[in-house]
Amino acid sequence: MGFRFRRTIRILPGVRLNINKGSLSVSVGPRGLKHTISTNETRTNTIGIPGSGLFYSERSKGSSKPPPKK
């Protein structure tokens, strides 16, 4: 099992900068709702009940750009 690293810095209320071993990400939203955009082209939407540990998360990978023309 390897070591993991994560550091979270609060920039403004509801905005956090997350630093991981392999990427950076920005999370935006109030408690219970969060949208995260990562440098590895992953976007995550999370909805939860604060304090309960229950949440639903939906992840999408890749950009919304159309494929290059041949």
C-alpha atoms as a PDB file:
ATOM      1  CA  MET A   1       0.000   0.000   0.000  1.00  0.00           C
ATOM      2  CA  GLY A   2       1.446   3.377  -1.013  1.00  0.00           C
ATOM      3  CA  PHE A   3       1.366   6.761   0.601  1.00  0.00           C
ATOM      4  CA  ARG A   4      -1.312   9.268  -0.341  1.00  0.00           C
ATOM      5  CA  PHE A   5      -1.174  13.039  -0.156  1.00  0.00           C
ATOM      6  CA  ARG A   6      -3.999  15.589  -0.133  1.00  0.00           C
ATOM      7  CA  ARG A   7      -4.095  19.197   0.959  1.00  0.00           C
ATOM      8  CA  THR A   8      -7.223  21.383   0.899  1.00  0.00           C
ATOM      9  CA  ILE A   9      -6.996  25.181   0.996  1.00  0.00           C
ATOM     10  CA  ARG A  10     -10.106  27.293   1.508  1.00  0.00           C
ATOM     11  CA  ILE A  11      -9.926  30.258  -0.874  1.00  0.00           C
ATOM     12  CA  LEU A  12     -13.348  31.835  -0.237  1.00  0.00           C
ATOM     13  CA  PRO A  13     -16.489  30.603   1.510  1.00  0.00           C
ATOM     14  CA  GLY A  14     -17.700  27.718  -0.643  1.00  0.00           C
ATOM     15  CA  VAL A  15     -14.525  27.568  -2.799  1.00  0.00           C
ATOM     16  CA  ARG A  16     -11.683  25.130  -2.084  1.00  0.00           C
ATOM     17  CA  LEU A  17      -8.417  24.330  -3.849  1.00  0.00           C
ATOM     18  CA  ASN A  18      -7.486  20.648  -3.494  1.00  0.00           C
ATOM     19  CA  ILE A  19      -3.894  19.558  -4.059  1.00  0.00           C
ATOM     20  CA  ASN A  20      -3.225  15.848  -4.628  1.00  0.00           C
ATOM     21  CA  LYS A  21      -0.144  13.893  -5.579  1.00  0.00           C
ATOM     22  CA  GLY A  22      -1.151  13.773  -9.254  1.00  0.00           C
ATOM     23  CA  SER A  23      -3.550  16.679  -9.838  1.00  0.00           C
ATOM     24  CA  LEU A  24      -5.144  19.919  -8.713  1.00  0.00           C
ATOM     25  CA  SER A  25      -8.861  20.523  -8.409  1.00  0.00           C
ATOM     26  CA  VAL A  26     -11.272  23.290  -7.474  1.00  0.00           C
ATOM     27  CA  SER A  27     -14.476  22.546  -5.557  1.00  0.00           C
ATOM     28  CA  VAL A  28     -17.335  25.057  -5.526  1.00  0.00           C
ATOM     29  CA  GLY A  29     -20.607  24.939  -3.613  1.00  0.00           C
ATOM     30  CA  PRO A  30     -22.281  25.152  -0.220  1.00  0.00           C
ATOM     31  CA  ARG A  31     -22.585  22.301   2.265  1.00  0.00           C
ATOM     32  CA  GLY A  32     -24.499  19.445   0.719  1.00  0.00           C
ATOM     33  CA  LEU A  33     -23.851  20.501  -2.904  1.00  0.00           C
ATOM     34  CA  LYS A  34     -20.496  20.488  -4.628  1.00  0.00           C
ATOM     35  CA  HIS A  35     -19.112  20.744  -8.172  1.00  0.00           C
ATOM     36  CA  THR A  36     -15.459  19.760  -8.632  1.00  0.00           C
ATOM     37  CA  ILE A  37     -13.267  20.371 -11.685  1.00  0.00           C
ATOM     38  CA  SER A  38      -9.880  18.640 -11.836  1.00  0.00           C
ATOM     39  CA  THR A  39      -6.754  19.139 -13.956  1.00  0.00           C
ATOM     40  CA  ASN A  40      -7.044  15.540 -15.166  1.00  0.00           C
ATOM     41  CA  GLU A  41     -10.290  16.498 -17.001  1.00  0.00           C
ATOM     42  CA  THR A  42     -12.622  14.936 -14.431  1.00  0.00           C
ATOM     43  CA  ARG A  43     -15.773  16.749 -13.329  1.00  0.00           C
ATOM     44  CA  THR A  44     -17.758  15.590 -10.315  1.00  0.00           C
ATOM     45  CA  ASN A  45     -21.146  16.663  -8.978  1.00  0.00           C
ATOM     46  CA  THR A  46     -21.984  15.641  -5.413  1.00  0.00           C
ATOM     47  CA  ILE A  47     -25.258  15.980  -3.492  1.00  0.00           C
ATOM     48  CA  GLY A  48     -25.444  14.966   0.152  1.00  0.00           C
ATOM     49  CA  ILE A  49     -27.044  15.426   3.545  1.00  0.00           C
ATOM     50  CA  PRO A  50     -24.531  17.287   5.752  1.00  0.00           C
ATOM     51  CA  GLY A  51     -23.510  15.409   8.892  1.00  0.00           C
ATOM     52  CA  SER A  52     -25.144  12.127   7.851  1.00  0.00           C
ATOM     53  CA  GLY A  53     -22.422  10.634   5.663  1.00  0.00           C
ATOM     54  CA  LEU A  54     -24.998   9.989   2.911  1.00  0.00           C
ATOM     55  CA  PHE A  55     -24.229  11.382  -0.519  1.00  0.00           C
ATOM     56  CA  TYR A  56     -24.648  10.762  -4.248  1.00  0.00           C
ATOM     57  CA  SER A  57     -21.758  11.491  -6.581  1.00  0.00           C
ATOM     58  CA  GLU A  58     -21.713  11.551 -10.376  1.00  0.00           C
ATOM     59  CA  ARG A  59     -18.416  11.715 -12.263  1.00  0.00           C
ATOM     60  CA  SER A  60     -17.747  12.492 -15.910  1.00  0.00           C
ATOM     61  CA  LYS A  61     -14.384  12.173 -17.633  1.00  0.00           C
ATOM     62  CA  GLY A  62     -13.188  14.105 -20.662  1.00  0.00           C
ATOM     63  CA  SER A  63     -13.933  17.493 -22.096  1.00  0.00           C
ATOM     64  CA  SER A  64     -17.069  18.702 -23.849  1.00  0.00           C
ATOM     65  CA  LYS A  65     -15.037  19.699 -26.912  1.00  0.00           C
ATOM     66  CA  PRO A  66     -15.974  18.006 -30.202  1.00  0.00           C
ATOM     67  CA  PRO A  67     -13.487  15.442 -31.567  1.00  0.00           C
ATOM     68  CA  PRO A  68     -10.850  16.788 -33.967  1.00  0.00           C
ATOM     69  CA  LYS A  69     -11.658  16.681 -37.682  1.00  0.00           C
ATOM     70  CA  LYS A  70      -9.701  14.263 -39.850  1.00  0.00           C
END
